[in-house]
Amino acid sequence: MDASFLVEAVYLLSATLFVVGLKRLQSPATARAGNAIAAFAMLLAVLATVVDAEILSWTGILVGMVLGSVIGGFAARRVEMTSMPQLVGIFNGFGGAASALVSVTEFVSNPNVGVSTAGVAILLGTLIGGVTFSGSFIAFAKLQELMTGNPITFPGQNLFNAFLVIVVLGFATAALGLVGALEPLTAFYIFCAIAVVLGVLIVIPIGGADMPVVISLLNSYSGLAASAAGFVIGNMVLIVSGALVGAAGLILTQLMCKGMNRSLANVAFGGFGGSAKVDRAQIGKRPVRRADAEAVAAELGYVNSVVVVPGYGLAVAQAQHELRKVGDLLEARGVDVKYAIHPVAGRMPGHMNVLLAEADVSYDKLFDLDEINDDFSNTDAVLIVGANDVVNPASRDPQSVIAGMPILDVDKARRVIVMKRSLSPGFAGIDNDLFYMDNTLMFFGDAKDAMADLVREVRELA
């Protein structure tokens, strides 16, 4: 049987598995299997490529697989859930860099490619890959607090970015030989540098509250860059897998924007997530009703239904395992326990789903905003752990910074219990009216310690 036929057959199988894996990522219950299927598909594609091109021996392939598995396993074990968005950002950055390097290598080997499908694909792969690389590492720095998470802006920033886009297009035409003022290779190197600068300038004005959208968008960019690289080297499976990642990322980005009631343009140019003009001196000055672990246990242990709303604070405290224990104890008492997941809770898409999955919370207990919002009016108690803006009734105020943002209607429940360190604001920088409502109890303290106390108190209930 012809070797090229076998390679193409493996590529076809790999592409099919990518589609199957992506399909299974739609549900938390099948997401792990979907991820494993997609990873296996990529392994098949890489093996077929290096064997066909005779790049590596089987010994080299085995060594690479072992090293990659060790590094991946170490990262999976060592990286905490609070740092998962940063890890995803780094993955996006390396993916963009890899695609850009493929395109750069092809152009350097043939700088006179000219106006052709290959030439245009090289420039697109370099541009998208360069933007993804630098933009992802700026997002990583913001999330890791190596730089401020607030928007970084300067006068005329959008106009300057638009000017750079025009400039980069000018150097692209020079690299393709349409303008003779510069040697194609020189023009291409300048083109590469501007692409990297654009990635920085695109991400720095975006604030912390918008990081889930940014991570999703950069993920899409990395897929588009990979697809462009596939056109450059004529690799079918790279084109297909890149297109799938790019399309899925764009769809997820749109869903995230919908979850914030904002357009993608507003996220990119609006500077939300740190620029809110509020009087911070007045935040937390109103009286609240406090409760300790014993009182909260009594509120939760003698009702029919409880909805838990997790937020980024749960990830920071690493309290998900204690939270599951509370849920198990309440269920043992006959309480119906559900978990409400807001689409932009946490710092990356699906952050809370992954967090709860790590604690082995049953998937069928997780409900998104649209599925559970109508149930709050019939819910006895809501336990909010580390969430803030996504439950803030201020979104119903047309004058609010978060006006129109879809929220979980927790204030409609009979009792609301907020577990939080303090009355500090969320990413939007505004006070949360929920904290001061008559049906709200504030349970202050570190989420992990407070949850451990709550576990003990629920166990001691009669």
Protein backbone atom coordinates (compact mmCIF):
# COMPACT_ATOMS: atom_id res chain seq x y z
CA MET A 1 0.00 0.00 0.00
CA ASP A 2 1.31 3.45 -0.92
CA ALA A 3 2.83 5.31 2.07
CA SER A 4 1.27 8.63 1.06
CA PHE A 5 -2.16 6.97 1.06
CA LEU A 6 -1.60 5.74 4.61
CA VAL A 7 -0.56 9.23 5.74
CA GLU A 8 -3.65 10.79 4.20
CA ALA A 9 -5.82 8.10 5.80
CA VAL A 10 -4.32 8.89 9.22
CA TYR A 11 -4.90 12.60 8.58
CA LEU A 12 -8.55 11.88 7.74
CA LEU A 13 -8.95 9.79 10.90
CA SER A 14 -7.28 12.54 12.93
CA ALA A 15 -9.57 15.23 11.50
CA THR A 16 -12.62 13.08 12.28
CA LEU A 17 -11.45 12.57 15.85
CA PHE A 18 -10.98 16.34 16.22
CA VAL A 19 -14.64 16.85 15.31
CA VAL A 20 -15.74 14.10 17.72
CA GLY A 21 -13.58 15.53 20.50
CA LEU A 22 -14.90 19.04 19.94
CA LYS A 23 -18.47 17.76 20.01
CA ARG A 24 -17.89 16.07 23.37
CA LEU A 25 -16.48 19.27 24.83
CA GLN A 26 -20.01 20.70 24.76
CA SER A 27 -20.93 19.02 28.04
CA PRO A 28 -18.99 18.89 31.33
CA ALA A 29 -19.96 15.23 31.59
CA THR A 30 -18.09 14.32 28.37
CA ALA A 31 -15.48 17.09 28.28
CA ARG A 32 -12.65 14.98 29.71
CA ALA A 33 -13.22 12.25 27.15
CA GLY A 34 -13.47 14.87 24.39
CA ASN A 35 -10.17 16.40 25.42
CA ALA A 36 -8.50 12.98 25.44
CA ILE A 37 -9.89 12.14 21.99
CA ALA A 38 -8.65 15.44 20.56
CA ALA A 39 -5.21 14.95 22.15
CA PHE A 40 -4.99 11.47 20.63
CA ALA A 41 -5.98 12.90 17.26
CA MET A 42 -3.13 15.42 17.46
CA LEU A 43 -0.71 12.66 18.43
CA LEU A 44 -1.72 10.68 15.34
CA ALA A 45 -1.31 13.75 13.12
CA VAL A 46 2.14 14.57 14.51
CA LEU A 47 3.33 10.97 14.19
CA ALA A 48 2.10 10.74 10.60
CA THR A 49 3.82 14.01 9.72
CA VAL A 50 7.24 13.29 11.23
CA VAL A 51 7.30 9.72 9.88
CA ASP A 52 6.24 10.81 6.38
CA ALA A 53 8.79 13.63 6.28
CA GLU A 54 11.47 11.41 7.84
CA ILE A 55 12.24 14.18 10.33
CA LEU A 56 12.75 11.91 13.34
CA SER A 57 13.60 8.31 14.05
CA TRP A 58 11.28 6.21 16.14
CA THR A 59 13.76 6.64 19.00
CA GLY A 60 13.48 10.41 18.72
CA ILE A 61 9.69 10.18 18.59
CA LEU A 62 9.60 8.03 21.73
CA VAL A 63 11.94 10.38 23.60
CA GLY A 64 9.80 13.36 22.60
CA MET A 65 6.61 11.65 23.75
CA VAL A 66 8.13 10.73 27.11
CA LEU A 67 9.50 14.23 27.71
CA GLY A 68 6.23 15.84 26.68
CA SER A 69 4.22 13.53 28.92
CA VAL A 70 6.47 14.26 31.91
CA ILE A 71 6.28 18.03 31.39
CA GLY A 72 2.52 17.94 30.80
CA GLY A 73 1.88 15.71 33.80
CA PHE A 74 4.03 17.91 36.03
CA ALA A 75 2.19 21.05 34.90
CA ALA A 76 -1.21 19.41 35.38
CA ARG A 77 -0.33 18.37 38.92
CA ARG A 78 1.48 21.53 40.00
CA VAL A 79 -0.62 24.31 38.48
CA GLU A 80 -3.43 25.34 40.83
CA MET A 81 -6.94 26.13 39.63
CA THR A 82 -6.36 29.83 40.26
CA SER A 83 -3.47 29.71 37.77
CA MET A 84 -5.30 27.70 35.11
CA PRO A 85 -6.20 30.83 33.06
CA GLN A 86 -2.52 31.79 33.03
CA LEU A 87 -1.60 28.30 31.81
CA VAL A 88 -4.19 28.50 29.04
CA GLY A 89 -2.79 31.91 28.09
CA ILE A 90 0.71 30.46 27.82
CA PHE A 91 -0.56 27.58 25.70
CA ASN A 92 -2.24 30.05 23.37
CA GLY A 93 0.97 32.07 23.15
CA PHE A 94 3.14 29.07 22.31
CA GLY A 95 0.58 27.89 19.77
CA GLY A 96 0.64 31.26 18.05
CA ALA A 97 4.44 31.36 18.14
CA ALA A 98 4.72 27.87 16.63
CA SER A 99 2.41 28.79 13.74
CA ALA A 100 4.23 32.06 13.16
CA LEU A 101 7.61 30.29 13.10
CA VAL A 102 6.34 27.88 10.44
CA SER A 103 5.32 30.82 8.28
CA VAL A 104 8.54 32.74 8.96
CA THR A 105 10.66 29.71 8.04
CA GLU A 106 8.80 29.27 4.76
CA PHE A 107 9.24 32.93 3.82
CA VAL A 108 12.94 33.03 4.74
CA SER A 109 13.53 29.95 2.57
CA ASN A 110 11.71 31.61 -0.33
CA PRO A 111 11.58 35.43 0.09
CA ASN A 112 10.46 35.90 -3.50
CA VAL A 113 7.23 33.96 -3.08
CA GLY A 114 5.32 37.00 -4.39
CA VAL A 115 1.57 37.41 -4.65
CA SER A 116 0.27 33.88 -4.40
CA THR A 117 -1.83 31.68 -2.16
CA ALA A 118 1.32 30.61 -0.30
CA GLY A 119 2.52 34.22 0.07
CA VAL A 120 -0.78 35.47 1.48
CA ALA A 121 -1.03 32.45 3.81
CA ILE A 122 2.51 33.11 5.09
CA LEU A 123 1.70 36.72 5.92
CA LEU A 124 -1.60 35.81 7.59
CA GLY A 125 0.03 33.07 9.65
CA THR A 126 2.82 35.40 10.72
CA LEU A 127 0.49 38.28 11.58
CA ILE A 128 -2.08 36.25 13.54
CA GLY A 129 0.59 34.11 15.18
CA GLY A 130 2.65 37.15 16.22
CA VAL A 131 -0.38 38.94 17.66
CA THR A 132 -1.42 35.78 19.51
CA PHE A 133 2.07 35.23 20.91
CA SER A 134 2.62 38.69 22.40
CA GLY A 135 -1.03 39.26 23.32
CA SER A 136 -1.22 35.96 25.20
CA PHE A 137 1.83 36.74 27.28
CA ILE A 138 0.47 40.19 28.14
CA ALA A 139 -2.75 38.46 29.25
CA PHE A 140 -0.62 36.05 31.29
CA ALA A 141 1.23 38.95 32.93
CA LYS A 142 -2.05 40.66 33.83
CA LEU A 143 -3.55 37.49 35.30
CA GLN A 144 -0.34 36.64 37.16
CA GLU A 145 -0.27 40.22 38.49
CA LEU A 146 3.18 40.80 37.00
CA MET A 147 1.63 43.98 35.67
CA THR A 148 -1.53 45.88 36.54
CA GLY A 149 -4.80 44.19 35.66
CA ASN A 150 -6.41 47.57 35.00
CA PRO A 151 -6.69 48.91 31.46
CA ILE A 152 -3.52 50.63 30.24
CA THR A 153 -4.52 53.43 27.91
CA PHE A 154 -3.04 56.57 26.40
CA PRO A 155 -4.53 59.44 24.35
CA GLY A 156 -5.25 58.49 20.75
CA GLN A 157 -4.59 54.81 21.42
CA ASN A 158 -7.23 53.45 19.06
CA LEU A 159 -6.12 55.79 16.28
CA PHE A 160 -2.51 54.74 16.81
CA ASN A 161 -3.50 51.07 16.62
CA ALA A 162 -5.42 51.75 13.41
CA PHE A 163 -2.34 53.52 12.02
CA LEU A 164 -0.18 50.49 12.86
CA VAL A 165 -2.61 48.21 11.04
CA ILE A 166 -2.24 50.36 7.93
CA VAL A 167 1.53 50.34 8.32
CA VAL A 168 1.68 46.56 8.70
CA LEU A 169 -0.43 46.17 5.55
CA GLY A 170 2.03 48.44 3.76
CA PHE A 171 4.98 46.28 4.74
CA ALA A 172 2.97 43.20 3.74
CA THR A 173 2.67 44.54 0.19
CA ALA A 174 6.41 45.25 0.19
CA ALA A 175 7.16 41.71 1.39
CA LEU A 176 5.10 40.36 -1.51
CA GLY A 177 7.08 42.48 -3.96
CA LEU A 178 4.22 44.83 -4.85
CA VAL A 179 6.24 47.82 -3.63
CA GLY A 180 9.91 47.99 -4.58
CA ALA A 181 11.13 50.42 -1.91
CA LEU A 182 12.44 47.60 0.32
CA GLU A 183 13.86 44.15 -0.17
CA PRO A 184 11.09 41.57 0.51
CA LEU A 185 13.05 39.96 3.36
CA THR A 186 13.70 43.31 5.07
CA ALA A 187 10.06 44.31 4.73
CA PHE A 188 9.02 40.93 6.11
CA TYR A 189 11.18 41.29 9.23
CA ILE A 190 9.64 44.71 9.94
CA PHE A 191 6.21 43.19 9.31
CA CYS A 192 6.97 40.52 11.96
CA ALA A 193 8.07 43.11 14.53
CA ILE A 194 4.92 45.21 14.05
CA ALA A 195 2.75 42.09 14.42
CA VAL A 196 4.28 41.41 17.84
CA VAL A 197 3.82 45.07 18.89
CA LEU A 198 0.17 44.95 17.77
CA GLY A 199 -0.46 41.98 20.07
CA VAL A 200 0.78 43.99 23.03
CA LEU A 201 -1.21 47.11 22.14
CA ILE A 202 -4.42 45.14 21.57
CA VAL A 203 -4.39 43.49 25.03
CA ILE A 204 -3.01 46.19 27.38
CA PRO A 205 -6.20 48.34 27.29
CA ILE A 206 -8.36 45.38 28.35
CA GLY A 207 -9.11 45.09 32.06
CA GLY A 208 -9.32 42.14 34.43
CA ALA A 209 -13.08 41.67 34.16
CA ASP A 210 -12.73 40.97 30.46
CA MET A 211 -9.96 38.38 30.75
CA PRO A 212 -12.31 35.40 30.10
CA VAL A 213 -13.23 36.98 26.76
CA VAL A 214 -9.59 37.76 25.94
CA ILE A 215 -8.45 34.20 26.71
CA SER A 216 -11.22 32.82 24.49
CA LEU A 217 -10.42 35.23 21.65
CA LEU A 218 -6.68 34.51 21.78
CA ASN A 219 -7.49 30.80 21.70
CA SER A 220 -9.41 31.45 18.50
CA TYR A 221 -6.46 33.39 17.09
CA SER A 222 -4.10 30.50 17.81
CA GLY A 223 -6.40 28.21 15.82
CA LEU A 224 -6.59 30.61 12.88
CA ALA A 225 -2.79 30.95 12.91
CA ALA A 226 -2.45 27.15 12.84
CA SER A 227 -4.89 26.93 9.93
CA ALA A 228 -2.90 29.54 8.00
CA ALA A 229 0.29 27.56 8.72
CA GLY A 230 -1.48 24.51 7.30
CA PHE A 231 -2.06 26.34 4.03
CA VAL A 232 1.60 27.41 4.02
CA ILE A 233 2.98 23.87 4.21
CA GLY A 234 0.03 22.15 2.52
CA ASN A 235 -0.99 20.10 5.55
CA MET A 236 -4.66 19.15 5.49
CA VAL A 237 -5.02 18.12 9.12
CA LEU A 238 -3.45 21.38 10.34
CA ILE A 239 -5.90 23.35 8.23
CA VAL A 240 -8.88 21.41 9.60
CA SER A 241 -7.82 21.38 13.26
CA GLY A 242 -6.87 25.07 13.17
CA ALA A 243 -10.17 26.01 11.56
CA LEU A 244 -12.09 24.03 14.19
CA VAL A 245 -10.26 25.72 17.05
CA GLY A 246 -10.66 29.13 15.43
CA ALA A 247 -14.38 28.72 14.82
CA ALA A 248 -15.06 27.24 18.27
CA GLY A 249 -13.08 30.05 19.90
CA LEU A 250 -15.00 32.73 18.04
CA ILE A 251 -18.35 31.15 18.97
CA LEU A 252 -17.29 30.90 22.61
CA THR A 253 -16.10 34.52 22.54
CA GLN A 254 -19.51 35.62 21.29
CA LEU A 255 -21.22 33.62 24.03
CA MET A 256 -18.97 35.22 26.65
CA CYS A 257 -19.76 38.69 25.31
CA LYS A 258 -23.46 37.83 25.43
CA GLY A 259 -22.99 36.75 29.05
CA MET A 260 -21.71 40.28 29.78
CA ASN A 261 -24.25 42.03 27.51
CA ARG A 262 -21.43 43.65 25.61
CA SER A 263 -20.12 43.60 22.06
CA LEU A 264 -16.67 42.33 21.16
CA ALA A 265 -15.75 45.84 20.00
CA ASN A 266 -16.76 47.21 23.40
CA VAL A 267 -14.55 44.66 25.13
CA ALA A 268 -11.61 45.50 22.88
CA PHE A 269 -11.93 49.28 23.06
CA GLY A 270 -14.12 50.03 26.06
CA GLY A 271 -11.61 49.59 28.87
CA PHE A 272 -14.14 47.98 31.23
CA GLY A 273 -12.80 46.12 34.23
CA GLY A 274 -10.93 48.67 36.22
CA SER A 275 -11.83 52.09 34.86
CA ALA A 276 -15.19 52.46 36.58
CA LYS A 277 -15.54 55.93 38.14
CA VAL A 278 -16.94 55.19 41.56
CA ASP A 279 -16.52 56.61 45.03
CA ARG A 280 -14.56 53.75 46.61
CA ALA A 281 -14.62 55.51 49.98
CA GLN A 282 -18.35 54.71 50.21
CA ILE A 283 -18.02 51.02 49.36
CA GLY A 284 -18.91 48.80 52.30
CA LYS A 285 -20.14 51.64 54.50
CA ARG A 286 -23.76 50.49 54.68
CA PRO A 287 -24.81 48.10 57.47
CA VAL A 288 -24.98 44.39 56.73
CA ARG A 289 -26.38 41.36 58.57
CA ARG A 290 -23.57 39.03 59.66
CA ALA A 291 -23.75 35.31 60.39
CA ASP A 292 -21.37 32.68 61.70
CA ALA A 293 -20.98 29.05 60.64
CA GLU A 294 -23.59 27.83 63.13
CA ALA A 295 -26.23 30.27 61.87
CA VAL A 296 -25.46 29.47 58.21
CA ALA A 297 -25.69 25.74 58.90
CA ALA A 298 -29.13 26.26 60.43
CA GLU A 299 -30.22 28.32 57.39
CA LEU A 300 -29.10 25.61 54.96
CA GLY A 301 -29.84 22.44 56.90
CA TYR A 302 -33.58 22.87 57.47
CA VAL A 303 -34.76 23.85 53.98
CA ASN A 304 -35.89 21.99 50.90
CA SER A 305 -33.66 23.57 48.27
CA VAL A 306 -30.24 25.23 48.09
CA VAL A 307 -28.47 26.71 45.08
CA VAL A 308 -24.71 27.22 45.28
CA VAL A 309 -23.12 30.01 43.20
CA PRO A 310 -19.34 29.62 42.87
CA GLY A 311 -17.01 32.46 41.86
CA TYR A 312 -13.35 33.24 41.50
CA GLY A 313 -12.98 33.56 45.27
CA LEU A 314 -13.72 29.83 45.56
CA ALA A 315 -10.79 29.11 43.24
CA VAL A 316 -8.50 31.46 45.15
CA ALA A 317 -9.29 29.78 48.47
CA GLN A 318 -9.16 26.27 46.94
CA ALA A 319 -12.32 25.49 48.91
CA GLN A 320 -14.07 23.37 46.27
CA HIS A 321 -13.50 20.09 48.12
CA GLU A 322 -14.97 21.46 51.35
CA LEU A 323 -17.87 22.87 49.35
CA ARG A 324 -18.62 19.43 47.95
CA LYS A 325 -18.64 18.03 51.49
CA VAL A 326 -21.23 20.64 52.48
CA GLY A 327 -23.33 19.70 49.46
CA ASP A 328 -23.10 15.98 50.28
CA LEU A 329 -24.11 16.57 53.91
CA LEU A 330 -27.10 18.70 52.89
CA GLU A 331 -28.23 16.09 50.37
CA ALA A 332 -27.99 13.44 53.08
CA ARG A 333 -30.50 15.55 55.01
CA GLY A 334 -32.88 15.55 52.04
CA VAL A 335 -31.98 19.03 50.71
CA ASP A 336 -32.06 19.49 46.92
CA VAL A 337 -28.64 21.01 46.08
CA LYS A 338 -27.84 22.59 42.70
CA TYR A 339 -24.92 24.67 41.39
CA ALA A 340 -25.51 27.78 39.28
CA ILE A 341 -22.71 28.63 36.83
CA HIS A 342 -22.50 32.10 35.28
CA PRO A 343 -20.79 32.11 31.84
CA VAL A 344 -18.17 34.68 32.91
CA ALA A 345 -17.57 33.51 36.49
CA GLY A 346 -13.85 33.09 37.10
CA ARG A 347 -11.07 34.15 34.77
CA MET A 348 -11.52 31.87 31.80
CA PRO A 349 -14.40 30.13 30.02
CA GLY A 350 -15.61 27.14 32.02
CA HIS A 351 -13.42 27.99 35.02
CA MET A 352 -16.09 27.08 37.59
CA ASN A 353 -17.07 23.89 35.75
CA VAL A 354 -13.46 22.69 35.87
CA LEU A 355 -13.12 23.72 39.50
CA LEU A 356 -16.18 21.75 40.60
CA ALA A 357 -15.24 18.80 38.41
CA GLU A 358 -11.92 18.67 40.27
CA ALA A 359 -13.93 18.19 43.49
CA ASP A 360 -16.03 15.43 41.84
CA VAL A 361 -19.28 17.40 41.97
CA SER A 362 -21.77 15.51 39.80
CA TYR A 363 -22.17 17.08 36.36
CA ASP A 364 -25.94 16.77 36.44
CA LYS A 365 -26.03 19.22 39.36
CA LEU A 366 -24.44 22.03 37.32
CA PHE A 367 -26.81 24.48 35.64
CA ASP A 368 -25.99 27.52 33.54
CA LEU A 369 -27.67 30.91 33.88
CA ASP A 370 -30.49 30.31 31.39
CA GLU A 371 -31.36 26.94 32.90
CA ILE A 372 -31.62 28.01 36.54
CA ASN A 373 -32.48 31.70 36.65
CA ASP A 374 -36.24 31.12 36.77
CA ASP A 375 -35.81 28.77 39.76
CA PHE A 376 -34.44 31.33 42.22
CA SER A 377 -37.86 32.70 43.13
CA ASN A 378 -38.77 29.19 44.35
CA THR A 379 -35.44 28.52 46.08
CA ASP A 380 -35.19 28.49 49.87
CA ALA A 381 -31.54 29.46 50.18
CA VAL A 382 -28.64 30.51 47.96
CA LEU A 383 -25.02 30.07 49.04
CA ILE A 384 -22.65 32.39 47.15
CA VAL A 385 -18.96 31.51 47.45
CA GLY A 386 -16.58 34.13 46.08
CA ALA A 387 -18.87 35.51 43.34
CA ASN A 388 -19.59 39.24 43.11
CA ASP A 389 -20.41 41.07 39.86
CA VAL A 390 -22.32 38.13 38.38
CA VAL A 391 -24.92 38.39 41.22
CA ASN A 392 -25.02 42.19 41.52
CA PRO A 393 -28.58 43.58 41.13
CA ALA A 394 -27.00 46.87 40.00
CA SER A 395 -27.04 45.43 36.47
CA ARG A 396 -30.77 46.27 36.41
CA ASP A 397 -29.93 49.96 36.89
CA PRO A 398 -29.58 51.69 33.48
CA GLN A 399 -27.00 54.07 35.00
CA SER A 400 -24.73 51.33 36.34
CA VAL A 401 -21.35 50.41 34.86
CA ILE A 402 -22.64 46.84 34.42
CA ALA A 403 -26.11 47.88 33.19
CA GLY A 404 -27.74 45.12 31.18
CA MET A 405 -25.24 42.44 32.13
CA PRO A 406 -27.13 39.16 32.64
CA ILE A 407 -26.86 38.13 36.28
CA LEU A 408 -27.98 35.21 38.39
CA ASP A 409 -31.20 36.43 40.06
CA VAL A 410 -30.15 35.20 43.50
CA ASP A 411 -31.81 38.13 45.29
CA LYS A 412 -35.20 36.59 44.48
CA ALA A 413 -34.53 33.61 46.78
CA ARG A 414 -35.96 33.53 50.30
CA ARG A 415 -32.50 33.65 51.88
CA VAL A 416 -29.13 34.63 50.41
CA ILE A 417 -25.85 33.78 52.16
CA VAL A 418 -22.69 35.41 50.81
CA MET A 419 -19.38 33.86 51.80
CA LYS A 420 -16.67 36.46 51.27
CA ARG A 421 -13.53 37.88 52.90
CA SER A 422 -14.82 41.45 52.96
CA LEU A 423 -17.18 43.90 51.27
CA SER A 424 -14.57 44.74 48.62
CA PRO A 425 -15.89 45.23 45.08
CA GLY A 426 -15.48 42.82 42.18
CA PHE A 427 -13.68 43.42 38.90
CA ALA A 428 -16.18 46.09 37.86
CA GLY A 429 -15.09 48.19 40.85
CA ILE A 430 -18.60 48.93 42.13
CA ASP A 431 -20.47 48.15 45.33
CA ASN A 432 -22.81 45.16 45.36
CA ASP A 433 -26.34 46.06 46.50
CA LEU A 434 -27.01 42.38 47.23
CA PHE A 435 -24.83 42.53 50.34
CA TYR A 436 -27.15 45.04 52.03
CA MET A 437 -30.55 43.48 51.27
CA ASP A 438 -32.83 42.32 54.08
CA ASN A 439 -32.74 38.68 52.97
CA THR A 440 -28.91 38.55 52.78
CA LEU A 441 -26.53 37.23 55.42
CA MET A 442 -22.79 37.91 55.13
CA PHE A 443 -20.54 35.04 56.20
CA PHE A 444 -17.08 36.64 56.37
CA GLY A 445 -13.77 34.77 56.34
CA ASP A 446 -11.42 32.75 54.20
CA ALA A 447 -13.62 30.48 52.10
CA LYS A 448 -11.66 27.31 52.88
CA ASP A 449 -11.59 27.85 56.64
CA ALA A 450 -15.19 29.08 56.73
CA MET A 451 -16.33 26.13 54.64
CA ALA A 452 -14.55 23.71 56.98
CA ASP A 453 -16.39 25.30 59.91
CA LEU A 454 -19.64 24.98 57.98
CA VAL A 455 -18.99 21.28 57.33
CA ARG A 456 -18.56 20.73 61.07
CA GLU A 457 -21.71 22.66 61.97
CA VAL A 458 -23.89 20.89 59.38
CA ARG A 459 -22.70 17.53 60.72
CA GLU A 460 -23.79 18.55 64.22
CA LEU A 461 -27.32 19.53 63.16
CA ALA A 462 -30.06 17.44 64.75
